[in-house]
Amino acid sequence: MEKLNLEVLKTHLWKSADILRGHIDAADYKNYIFGLLFLKRISDVFKEEAEKIVRETGDKKIAYEDRDYHDFFVPKKAAWNHLKSLTHNIGEAINKANDLLEEENPESLEGVLSAVDFNDKDRLPDHILSQLINHFSKIRLGNRDLEKPDILGDAYEYLIAQFASSAGKKGGEFYTPKEVVELLVKILDPKEGMRICDPACGSGGMLIQSVQYLKENKQNPKNISLYGHEINVGTWAICKMNLLLHGLKSAQIKRCDTLRDPQLLSHGKLMQFDTVIANPPFSLKNWGYENAQNDPYSRFRFGIPPKGYADFAFVQHMLATIHANGKVGVVLPHGALFRGGAEERIRRGIIGEDMLEAIIGLPPKLFYGTGIPACLFILNKNKSKERKGKVFFLYGAGDYQEGKKQNKLRDEDIEKMVLAFREYQTIEKYCRPVSVNEIQQNDFNLNITRYIDTTEEEEKIDIQKTINELNELKKGFKKTEDKVLNYLRELNFKA
């Protein structure tokens, strides 16, 4: 039997979007497509496991009714074949199936599937849902049907990117371009055995890439603990499904407001991690300024950020959740590097305790729905001896592949930045370590171009060469003038 490969699956999933076009907004495609994909996957794996139990034991009752024999238990009314047999009130039946799955598998699925309402006949009439179910019925998603175990997760990531592109800003709220994620993970260099957290995890891409990084570096990808916060219920559900499709069932993703009410706690205190990584919303306005005045976790010890800019609220939350040897990697808008007032005082405090390791400027237009220039802000509570008292600045804004809507980091751009950071290189007009004293002299303004000269040298004019070229031009003009005069004389003679 030919196994399902990634390209075939991508095409199949993208065609499901064609069925929805004209009925709902592109930004909402993901909710319904991902929901049905997940439903089909769970049902196919359950059926596959049940058939194996029947072959081994001959006992159908155990195979289809004993919860202990399955990762996810699927009751009859939630099985794909039941949904496929329906012609009326299909949305209601899908909602019921999702509710049943959550009830039977509360530890993994509680609140995940019911986040999407399929029972809206104005947007999703029966004939559209029937088309979608028939379309998904054409592929089998059991473990033995797939070319490799994490193919579903890879296809899922592909579609998340596609939907973010078509949905503009609304999609970009929960998706960070994969190349930026890859760069940030490589800079942070996670290791097996670590606890990694993303307090603004969106669809979970940074956590998944951290696991992928371990695989690429021949480390055990199962020996890692993943945690996250996500405030948006729909995005939280997508994150949970994304992680489950990648086989990351043990990840703890809390649905909560990170700044007002963090939920990753241990004995009433903030949990501590080895690595904290995030791309929080740029300069979030209504972030909880009032709550921060009496923060029960003492996160804002360098100062409370302004009401209209949450960037350093997230940075300080992240710093408060790493242990003594921990690292933070966060995507920030450039404004956070040089704005004055409370943000300047916070920068002074962070740099004063020598926790800022690097600032890496990114190319323009990398992010969906915004042209705001961004950078990577790397913090380290235990910098190596050669890096103490210094901050590594890198101007990476000039290296990228230009696109119509979004620009893209190429593999060579990523490797160039990572190598420069790891080797602590000094490269003219690109990167160098800068002493804290020099930063202090600049009033803790961290604007990259203050430390990296990015101006283009003007080409020197060769005066003698220019004179010679002008003389040649004059000779040319003289020849042309002589030809014109001779021509006029000939005309006069003939007349």
Protein backbone atom coordinates (compact mmCIF):
# COMPACT_ATOMS: atom_id res chain seq x y z
CA MET A 1 0.00 0.00 0.00
CA GLU A 2 1.38 3.41 -0.99
CA LYS A 3 1.85 5.65 2.01
CA LEU A 4 0.69 9.25 2.21
CA ASN A 5 3.53 11.72 1.66
CA LEU A 6 3.75 15.38 2.62
CA GLU A 7 3.20 16.89 -0.85
CA VAL A 8 0.05 14.84 -1.47
CA LEU A 9 -1.28 15.76 1.95
CA LYS A 10 -0.54 19.46 1.45
CA THR A 11 -2.44 19.45 -1.84
CA HIS A 12 -5.36 17.60 -0.31
CA LEU A 13 -5.64 19.99 2.63
CA TRP A 14 -5.36 23.04 0.40
CA LYS A 15 -8.21 21.74 -1.76
CA SER A 16 -10.37 21.62 1.36
CA ALA A 17 -9.97 25.41 1.50
CA ASP A 18 -11.44 25.60 -2.02
CA ILE A 19 -14.65 24.03 -0.70
CA LEU A 20 -14.95 26.78 1.92
CA ARG A 21 -14.18 29.73 -0.38
CA GLY A 22 -17.05 32.15 -0.63
CA HIS A 23 -18.73 30.83 2.49
CA ILE A 24 -16.43 32.04 5.26
CA ASP A 25 -13.49 34.43 5.66
CA ALA A 26 -10.04 33.11 4.77
CA ALA A 27 -8.88 33.87 8.31
CA ASP A 28 -11.39 31.29 9.61
CA TYR A 29 -10.54 28.44 7.21
CA LYS A 30 -8.01 27.02 9.62
CA ASN A 31 -10.53 26.48 12.41
CA TYR A 32 -12.75 24.16 10.37
CA ILE A 33 -10.09 22.44 8.29
CA PHE A 34 -7.87 21.75 11.29
CA GLY A 35 -10.85 20.60 13.32
CA LEU A 36 -11.90 18.03 10.70
CA LEU A 37 -8.31 16.95 10.05
CA PHE A 38 -7.87 16.27 13.76
CA LEU A 39 -11.21 14.45 13.99
CA LYS A 40 -10.29 12.23 11.04
CA ARG A 41 -6.84 11.52 12.46
CA ILE A 42 -8.16 10.48 15.89
CA SER A 43 -10.84 8.29 14.34
CA ASP A 44 -8.44 6.56 11.93
CA VAL A 45 -5.86 5.84 14.64
CA PHE A 46 -8.55 4.49 16.98
CA LYS A 47 -9.87 2.21 14.22
CA GLU A 48 -6.34 1.04 13.39
CA GLU A 49 -5.64 0.23 17.07
CA ALA A 50 -8.99 -1.55 17.44
CA GLU A 51 -8.41 -3.73 14.36
CA LYS A 52 -5.00 -4.72 15.74
CA ILE A 53 -6.57 -5.70 19.10
CA VAL A 54 -9.22 -7.79 17.31
CA ARG A 55 -6.51 -9.61 15.33
CA GLU A 56 -4.53 -10.32 18.50
CA THR A 57 -7.36 -11.15 20.91
CA GLY A 58 -10.45 -11.77 18.81
CA ASP A 59 -12.37 -9.62 21.29
CA LYS A 60 -14.28 -6.77 19.60
CA LYS A 61 -15.74 -5.52 22.86
CA ILE A 62 -12.29 -4.84 24.32
CA ALA A 63 -11.08 -3.39 21.01
CA TYR A 64 -13.86 -0.82 20.62
CA GLU A 65 -15.05 -0.20 24.19
CA ASP A 66 -12.05 -0.48 26.54
CA ARG A 67 -10.46 2.98 27.00
CA ASP A 68 -7.22 1.58 28.42
CA TYR A 69 -6.14 0.21 25.04
CA HIS A 70 -6.14 3.57 23.23
CA ASP A 71 -4.25 6.87 23.33
CA PHE A 72 -7.51 8.63 22.44
CA PHE A 73 -10.82 6.89 22.98
CA VAL A 74 -13.42 7.49 20.23
CA PRO A 75 -17.08 6.69 21.06
CA LYS A 76 -19.38 5.53 18.24
CA LYS A 77 -21.12 8.90 17.80
CA ALA A 78 -17.71 10.56 17.31
CA ALA A 79 -16.39 8.03 14.79
CA TRP A 80 -15.71 9.29 11.26
CA ASN A 81 -17.91 6.64 9.65
CA HIS A 82 -20.87 7.88 11.70
CA LEU A 83 -20.34 11.48 10.56
CA LYS A 84 -19.89 10.35 6.96
CA SER A 85 -23.29 8.61 7.01
CA LEU A 86 -25.18 11.83 7.86
CA THR A 87 -26.96 14.13 5.39
CA HIS A 88 -28.81 16.50 7.77
CA ASN A 89 -27.74 18.55 10.80
CA ILE A 90 -24.12 17.63 10.16
CA GLY A 91 -22.72 20.64 12.04
CA GLU A 92 -24.67 19.71 15.13
CA ALA A 93 -23.36 16.13 14.89
CA ILE A 94 -19.75 17.33 14.55
CA ASN A 95 -20.16 19.54 17.62
CA LYS A 96 -21.56 16.55 19.52
CA ALA A 97 -18.67 14.37 18.35
CA ASN A 98 -16.19 16.96 19.61
CA ASP A 99 -17.94 17.19 22.97
CA LEU A 100 -17.85 13.40 23.35
CA LEU A 101 -14.15 13.26 22.49
CA GLU A 102 -13.39 15.90 25.12
CA GLU A 103 -15.44 14.04 27.74
CA GLU A 104 -13.64 10.76 27.02
CA ASN A 105 -10.16 12.32 26.81
CA PRO A 106 -10.24 15.24 29.26
CA GLU A 107 -6.54 15.30 30.07
CA SER A 108 -5.50 16.01 26.46
CA LEU A 109 -8.57 17.48 24.78
CA GLU A 110 -10.65 19.40 27.31
CA GLY A 111 -11.79 22.65 25.64
CA VAL A 112 -9.71 22.01 22.51
CA LEU A 113 -12.27 20.73 19.99
CA SER A 114 -15.32 22.60 21.27
CA ALA A 115 -13.54 25.91 20.58
CA VAL A 116 -14.93 25.73 17.02
CA ASP A 117 -18.69 25.82 16.32
CA PHE A 118 -19.59 23.79 13.23
CA ASN A 119 -23.32 24.28 13.76
CA ASP A 120 -23.80 27.56 11.86
CA LYS A 121 -25.96 26.75 8.85
CA ASP A 122 -25.74 30.27 7.41
CA ARG A 123 -21.98 29.91 7.00
CA LEU A 124 -21.65 26.13 6.86
CA PRO A 125 -24.76 24.54 5.35
CA ASP A 126 -25.07 20.75 5.31
CA HIS A 127 -23.98 20.40 1.69
CA ILE A 128 -20.66 22.21 2.38
CA LEU A 129 -19.91 20.11 5.47
CA SER A 130 -20.86 16.98 3.52
CA GLN A 131 -18.39 17.96 0.78
CA LEU A 132 -15.64 18.51 3.39
CA ILE A 133 -16.31 15.15 5.07
CA ASN A 134 -16.32 13.34 1.71
CA HIS A 135 -13.11 15.12 0.76
CA PHE A 136 -11.33 14.05 3.97
CA SER A 137 -12.71 10.53 3.53
CA LYS A 138 -10.48 10.12 0.45
CA ILE A 139 -7.34 9.89 2.60
CA ARG A 140 -6.46 7.58 5.48
CA LEU A 141 -4.61 9.04 8.44
CA GLY A 142 -3.76 6.03 10.61
CA ASN A 143 -0.15 5.56 11.68
CA ARG A 144 0.51 2.86 9.10
CA ASP A 145 -0.88 5.08 6.32
CA LEU A 146 1.70 7.85 6.75
CA GLU A 147 5.14 8.04 5.14
CA LYS A 148 6.62 9.36 8.42
CA PRO A 149 5.16 9.93 11.90
CA ASP A 150 5.18 13.73 11.97
CA ILE A 151 3.91 14.29 8.41
CA LEU A 152 0.56 15.57 9.74
CA GLY A 153 2.29 18.12 11.92
CA ASP A 154 4.43 19.28 8.98
CA ALA A 155 1.35 19.69 6.77
CA TYR A 156 -0.36 21.52 9.60
CA GLU A 157 2.54 23.98 9.88
CA TYR A 158 2.42 24.53 6.10
CA LEU A 159 -1.28 25.36 6.20
CA ILE A 160 -0.90 27.66 9.20
CA ALA A 161 1.66 29.64 7.17
CA GLN A 162 -0.62 29.73 4.12
CA PHE A 163 -3.59 30.92 6.13
CA ALA A 164 -1.51 33.55 7.92
CA SER A 165 -0.44 34.87 4.51
CA SER A 166 -3.99 35.06 3.14
CA ALA A 167 -5.47 36.37 6.39
CA GLY A 168 -3.00 39.27 6.70
CA LYS A 169 -2.70 40.84 10.15
CA LYS A 170 -5.40 38.61 11.65
CA GLY A 171 -3.37 35.54 10.68
CA GLY A 172 -0.05 37.07 11.66
CA GLU A 173 -1.24 37.45 15.24
CA PHE A 174 -0.65 33.78 15.90
CA TYR A 175 2.05 32.86 13.39
CA THR A 176 5.75 33.73 13.30
CA PRO A 177 7.48 32.96 9.98
CA LYS A 178 9.29 29.64 10.25
CA GLU A 179 12.67 31.13 9.26
CA VAL A 180 12.55 33.63 12.15
CA VAL A 181 11.65 30.80 14.55
CA GLU A 182 14.51 28.68 13.22
CA LEU A 183 16.98 31.55 13.69
CA LEU A 184 15.85 32.25 17.25
CA VAL A 185 15.98 28.58 18.26
CA LYS A 186 19.48 28.17 16.81
CA ILE A 187 20.67 31.25 18.70
CA LEU A 188 19.26 29.87 21.99
CA ASP A 189 20.65 26.37 21.29
CA PRO A 190 18.29 24.26 23.48
CA LYS A 191 19.49 20.91 24.82
CA GLU A 192 17.75 17.67 25.78
CA GLY A 193 16.54 17.54 29.36
CA MET A 194 15.56 21.22 29.33
CA ARG A 195 12.28 22.87 30.26
CA ILE A 196 11.24 25.29 27.51
CA CYS A 197 8.40 27.80 27.70
CA ASP A 198 6.71 30.16 25.23
CA PRO A 199 4.48 32.60 27.15
CA ALA A 200 2.83 33.87 23.94
CA CYS A 201 2.88 30.60 22.04
CA GLY A 202 0.32 31.20 19.28
CA SER A 203 0.11 28.04 17.19
CA GLY A 204 3.11 26.47 18.96
CA GLY A 205 5.73 26.89 16.25
CA MET A 206 8.59 27.87 18.55
CA LEU A 207 8.06 24.88 20.85
CA ILE A 208 7.84 22.49 17.89
CA GLN A 209 10.96 23.97 16.29
CA SER A 210 12.85 23.46 19.58
CA VAL A 211 12.03 19.74 19.39
CA GLN A 212 13.02 19.66 15.71
CA TYR A 213 16.34 21.28 16.62
CA LEU A 214 17.08 18.44 19.06
CA LYS A 215 16.36 15.89 16.31
CA GLU A 216 18.68 17.67 13.88
CA ASN A 217 21.45 17.65 16.51
CA LYS A 218 21.11 13.93 17.29
CA GLN A 219 19.60 14.54 20.74
CA ASN A 220 16.59 12.81 22.23
CA PRO A 221 13.51 14.86 21.23
CA LYS A 222 11.38 13.06 23.82
CA ASN A 223 13.65 14.20 26.64
CA ILE A 224 12.33 17.75 26.77
CA SER A 225 9.49 19.46 28.63
CA LEU A 226 7.34 22.02 26.79
CA TYR A 227 5.14 24.71 28.32
CA GLY A 228 3.18 27.70 27.05
CA HIS A 229 0.55 30.38 27.56
CA GLU A 230 -1.96 31.53 24.92
CA ILE A 231 -4.77 34.00 25.55
CA ASN A 232 -6.89 33.49 22.40
CA VAL A 233 -9.12 30.43 22.77
CA GLY A 234 -9.14 29.58 19.04
CA THR A 235 -5.38 29.94 18.73
CA TRP A 236 -4.87 27.95 21.95
CA ALA A 237 -6.94 25.12 20.45
CA ILE A 238 -4.89 25.21 17.24
CA CYS A 239 -1.69 25.09 19.31
CA LYS A 240 -2.91 22.07 21.26
CA MET A 241 -3.90 20.23 18.07
CA ASN A 242 -0.63 21.19 16.40
CA LEU A 243 1.42 19.79 19.28
CA LEU A 244 -0.68 16.60 19.42
CA LEU A 245 -0.26 16.06 15.67
CA HIS A 246 3.50 16.35 16.20
CA GLY A 247 3.28 13.66 18.89
CA LEU A 248 3.92 16.14 21.73
CA LYS A 249 1.13 14.99 24.00
CA SER A 250 2.84 15.93 27.29
CA ALA A 251 3.18 19.67 26.50
CA GLN A 252 1.42 21.89 29.05
CA ILE A 253 -0.28 24.80 27.28
CA LYS A 254 -2.39 27.03 29.52
CA ARG A 255 -5.17 29.24 28.19
CA CYS A 256 -4.63 32.50 30.07
CA ASP A 257 -3.47 36.12 30.03
CA THR A 258 0.30 35.91 30.60
CA LEU A 259 0.70 39.43 32.00
CA ARG A 260 -2.46 39.66 34.12
CA ASP A 261 -2.88 36.06 35.26
CA PRO A 262 -0.06 33.59 34.44
CA GLN A 263 -1.04 29.96 35.00
CA LEU A 264 2.27 28.11 34.85
CA LEU A 265 2.84 28.05 38.61
CA SER A 266 4.47 25.82 41.18
CA HIS A 267 3.41 26.19 44.83
CA GLY A 268 1.99 29.63 44.05
CA LYS A 269 5.20 30.89 42.42
CA LEU A 270 6.14 31.25 38.76
CA MET A 271 7.56 28.05 37.28
CA GLN A 272 11.24 28.28 36.32
CA PHE A 273 12.59 27.24 32.91
CA ASP A 274 15.91 26.72 31.14
CA THR A 275 14.84 28.57 28.01
CA VAL A 276 11.99 31.03 27.45
CA ILE A 277 11.24 31.97 23.85
CA ALA A 278 8.48 34.15 22.40
CA ASN A 279 7.19 36.53 19.76
CA PRO A 280 4.62 38.49 21.80
CA PRO A 281 2.30 41.04 20.12
CA PHE A 282 4.32 44.14 19.21
CA SER A 283 3.70 47.09 21.56
CA LEU A 284 0.42 45.74 22.95
CA LYS A 285 -1.73 48.59 24.27
CA ASN A 286 -4.16 47.22 26.86
CA TRP A 287 -1.81 44.84 28.63
CA GLY A 288 -2.63 45.21 32.33
CA TYR A 289 -0.75 48.32 33.46
CA GLU A 290 -3.03 48.75 36.48
CA ASN A 291 -2.57 45.13 37.60
CA ALA A 292 1.20 45.49 37.31
CA GLN A 293 1.26 48.11 40.10
CA ASN A 294 0.74 45.30 42.63
CA ASP A 295 2.02 42.28 40.76
CA PRO A 296 1.87 39.24 43.09
CA TYR A 297 4.90 37.67 41.36
CA SER A 298 7.21 40.75 41.59
CA ARG A 299 7.99 40.54 37.87
CA PHE A 300 8.49 44.23 37.17
CA ARG A 301 11.47 44.97 39.40
CA PHE A 302 13.20 47.10 36.75
CA GLY A 303 10.11 49.28 36.38
CA ILE A 304 6.55 49.15 35.08
CA PRO A 305 6.36 49.69 31.30
CA PRO A 306 4.10 52.40 29.84
CA LYS A 307 0.38 51.76 29.41
CA GLY A 308 0.65 51.69 25.65
CA TYR A 309 3.72 49.44 25.26
CA ALA A 310 3.80 45.92 26.72
CA ASP A 311 7.13 44.92 25.14
CA PHE A 312 9.16 45.15 28.35
CA ALA A 313 6.30 43.70 30.38
CA PHE A 314 6.78 40.47 28.40
CA VAL A 315 10.57 40.74 28.64
CA GLN A 316 10.43 41.08 32.44
CA HIS A 317 7.91 38.25 32.75
CA MET A 318 10.28 36.05 30.76
CA LEU A 319 13.28 37.04 32.89
CA ALA A 320 11.28 36.23 36.02
CA THR A 321 10.63 32.69 34.75
CA ILE A 322 14.20 31.54 34.01
CA HIS A 323 16.52 30.05 36.59
CA ALA A 324 20.05 31.22 37.35
CA ASN A 325 21.53 29.71 34.16
CA GLY A 326 18.53 30.41 31.92
CA LYS A 327 18.23 32.18 28.56
CA VAL A 328 15.52 34.30 26.98
CA GLY A 329 14.97 34.94 23.28
CA VAL A 330 12.23 37.38 22.33
CA VAL A 331 11.20 39.17 19.14
CA LEU A 332 10.78 42.91 19.76
CA PRO A 333 9.93 45.94 17.62
CA HIS A 334 12.85 48.33 17.15
CA GLY A 335 11.06 51.05 19.12
CA ALA A 336 11.68 49.09 22.32
CA LEU A 337 15.42 49.61 21.77
CA PHE A 338 15.40 53.38 22.02
CA ARG A 339 12.13 54.72 23.49
CA GLY A 340 12.73 56.86 26.59
CA GLY A 341 10.99 57.16 29.95
CA ALA A 342 10.07 53.97 31.78
CA GLU A 343 11.47 51.78 28.99
CA GLU A 344 14.87 53.46 29.22
CA ARG A 345 14.93 52.81 32.98
CA ILE A 346 14.13 49.14 32.36
CA ARG A 347 16.93 48.86 29.79
CA ARG A 348 19.32 50.46 32.30
CA GLY A 349 18.36 47.87 34.92
CA ILE A 350 18.71 44.87 32.62
CA ILE A 351 22.04 46.04 31.22
CA GLY A 352 23.22 47.06 34.69
CA GLU A 353 22.85 43.44 35.81
CA ASP A 354 24.68 42.31 32.64
CA MET A 355 21.88 40.07 31.37
CA LEU A 356 21.61 41.42 27.82
CA GLU A 357 23.69 39.18 25.56
CA ALA A 358 22.77 40.21 22.02
CA ILE A 359 20.57 42.31 19.76
CA ILE A 360 20.11 40.99 16.24
CA GLY A 361 18.42 43.27 13.72
CA LEU A 362 16.13 41.52 11.22
CA PRO A 363 15.26 42.45 7.61
CA PRO A 364 12.09 44.46 6.92
CA LYS A 365 8.70 42.94 6.03
CA LEU A 366 9.29 39.45 7.45
CA PHE A 367 6.09 39.35 9.49
CA TYR A 368 2.54 38.94 8.22
CA GLY A 369 0.39 42.06 8.35
CA THR A 370 3.06 44.47 9.59
CA GLY A 371 6.07 46.25 8.14
CA ILE A 372 7.39 47.20 11.59
CA PRO A 373 11.15 46.48 11.78
CA ALA A 374 11.98 43.91 14.43
CA CYS A 375 14.94 42.41 16.24
CA LEU A 376 15.88 39.45 18.42
CA PHE A 377 16.56 40.41 22.04
CA ILE A 378 18.73 37.73 23.67
CA LEU A 379 19.10 37.62 27.46
CA ASN A 380 21.35 35.33 29.48
CA LYS A 381 21.61 35.20 33.27
CA ASN A 382 24.92 33.35 33.05
CA LYS A 383 26.97 34.87 30.23
CA SER A 384 30.36 33.31 29.44
CA LYS A 385 33.49 35.09 30.67
CA GLU A 386 34.36 36.60 27.28
CA ARG A 387 30.82 38.04 26.94
CA LYS A 388 30.53 39.63 30.36
CA GLY A 389 30.34 43.43 30.28
CA LYS A 390 29.47 43.38 26.56
CA VAL A 391 26.46 43.21 24.25
CA PHE A 392 26.72 41.66 20.78
CA PHE A 393 25.11 43.82 18.08
CA LEU A 394 24.34 42.43 14.63
CA TYR A 395 22.81 44.30 11.70
CA GLY A 396 21.03 41.61 9.67
CA ALA A 397 18.62 43.90 7.84
CA GLY A 398 20.40 43.68 4.50
CA ASP A 399 20.38 39.92 3.94
CA TYR A 400 17.11 38.43 2.70
CA GLN A 401 15.13 37.26 -0.29
CA GLU A 402 12.65 39.88 -1.46
CA GLY A 403 9.02 38.83 -1.88
CA LYS A 404 5.83 40.52 -3.10
CA LYS A 405 4.09 40.62 0.29
CA GLN A 406 6.70 39.32 2.72
CA ASN A 407 10.45 39.08 2.58
CA LYS A 408 12.12 35.85 3.62
CA LEU A 409 15.30 34.82 5.40
CA ARG A 410 17.29 32.35 3.32
CA ASP A 411 19.27 29.46 4.81
CA GLU A 412 22.52 31.31 4.15
CA ASP A 413 21.22 34.44 5.95
CA ILE A 414 20.31 32.38 9.01
CA GLU A 415 23.65 30.55 9.06
CA LYS A 416 25.58 33.81 8.66
CA MET A 417 23.87 35.32 11.71
CA VAL A 418 24.15 32.20 13.84
CA LEU A 419 27.86 31.75 13.04
CA ALA A 420 28.64 35.40 13.79
CA PHE A 421 26.81 35.16 17.14
CA ARG A 422 28.40 31.87 18.19
CA GLU A 423 31.93 32.89 17.23
CA TYR A 424 31.47 36.41 18.61
CA GLN A 425 32.80 37.87 15.41
CA THR A 426 33.60 41.46 14.52
CA ILE A 427 32.66 42.13 10.91
CA GLU A 428 32.71 45.67 9.53
CA LYS A 429 29.21 47.06 8.89
CA TYR A 430 27.65 43.82 10.17
CA CYS A 431 28.40 42.91 13.78
CA ARG A 432 30.62 43.47 16.82
CA PRO A 433 30.63 43.11 20.62
CA VAL A 434 30.02 46.49 22.30
CA SER A 435 31.09 47.30 25.85
CA VAL A 436 28.45 48.24 28.41
CA ASN A 437 30.45 51.46 28.98
CA GLU A 438 29.87 52.49 25.35
CA ILE A 439 26.15 51.75 25.71
CA GLN A 440 26.08 53.83 28.90
CA GLN A 441 27.68 56.73 27.02
CA ASN A 442 24.77 56.48 24.56
CA ASP A 443 22.24 56.80 27.43
CA PHE A 444 21.30 53.12 27.08
CA ASN A 445 19.91 53.70 23.60
CA LEU A 446 20.20 50.31 21.90
CA ASN A 447 19.45 51.39 18.34
CA ILE A 448 21.63 49.04 16.29
CA THR A 449 22.88 51.71 13.86
CA ARG A 450 24.46 53.57 16.80
CA TYR A 451 26.92 50.72 17.15
CA ILE A 452 27.13 49.27 13.65
CA ASP A 453 28.07 51.72 10.88
CA THR A 454 25.69 50.87 8.04
CA THR A 455 26.41 53.84 5.76
CA GLU A 456 27.55 53.09 2.23
CA GLU A 457 30.90 54.60 1.25
CA GLU A 458 30.67 57.10 -1.58
CA GLU A 459 32.69 56.13 -4.61
CA LYS A 460 35.83 58.28 -4.93
CA ILE A 461 35.89 60.44 -8.07
CA ASP A 462 38.97 60.04 -10.30
CA ILE A 463 39.41 63.65 -11.44
CA GLN A 464 41.94 62.89 -14.20
CA LYS A 465 39.73 60.11 -15.57
CA THR A 466 36.75 62.48 -15.62
CA ILE A 467 38.77 65.17 -17.49
CA ASN A 468 39.87 62.61 -20.08
CA GLU A 469 36.27 61.45 -20.58
CA LEU A 470 35.12 65.06 -21.07
CA ASN A 471 37.88 65.65 -23.64
CA GLU A 472 36.77 62.56 -25.53
CA LEU A 473 33.19 63.86 -25.50
CA LYS A 474 34.38 67.25 -26.85
CA LYS A 475 36.21 65.50 -29.70
CA GLY A 476 33.06 63.58 -30.50
CA PHE A 477 30.99 66.78 -30.54
CA LYS A 478 33.60 68.46 -32.85
CA LYS A 479 33.42 65.59 -35.37
CA THR A 480 29.63 65.70 -35.38
CA GLU A 481 29.68 69.50 -35.81
CA ASP A 482 32.03 69.21 -38.81
CA LYS A 483 29.81 66.61 -40.46
CA VAL A 484 26.71 68.80 -40.07
CA LEU A 485 28.51 71.88 -41.56
CA ASN A 486 29.79 69.89 -44.55
CA TYR A 487 26.28 68.53 -45.15
CA LEU A 488 24.81 72.08 -45.12
CA ARG A 489 27.50 73.32 -47.55
CA GLU A 490 26.68 70.49 -49.98
CA LEU A 491 22.97 71.36 -49.85
CA ASN A 492 23.76 75.06 -50.56
CA PHE A 493 26.06 74.12 -53.51
CA LYS A 494 23.35 71.91 -55.09
CA ALA A 495 20.76 74.63 -54.71
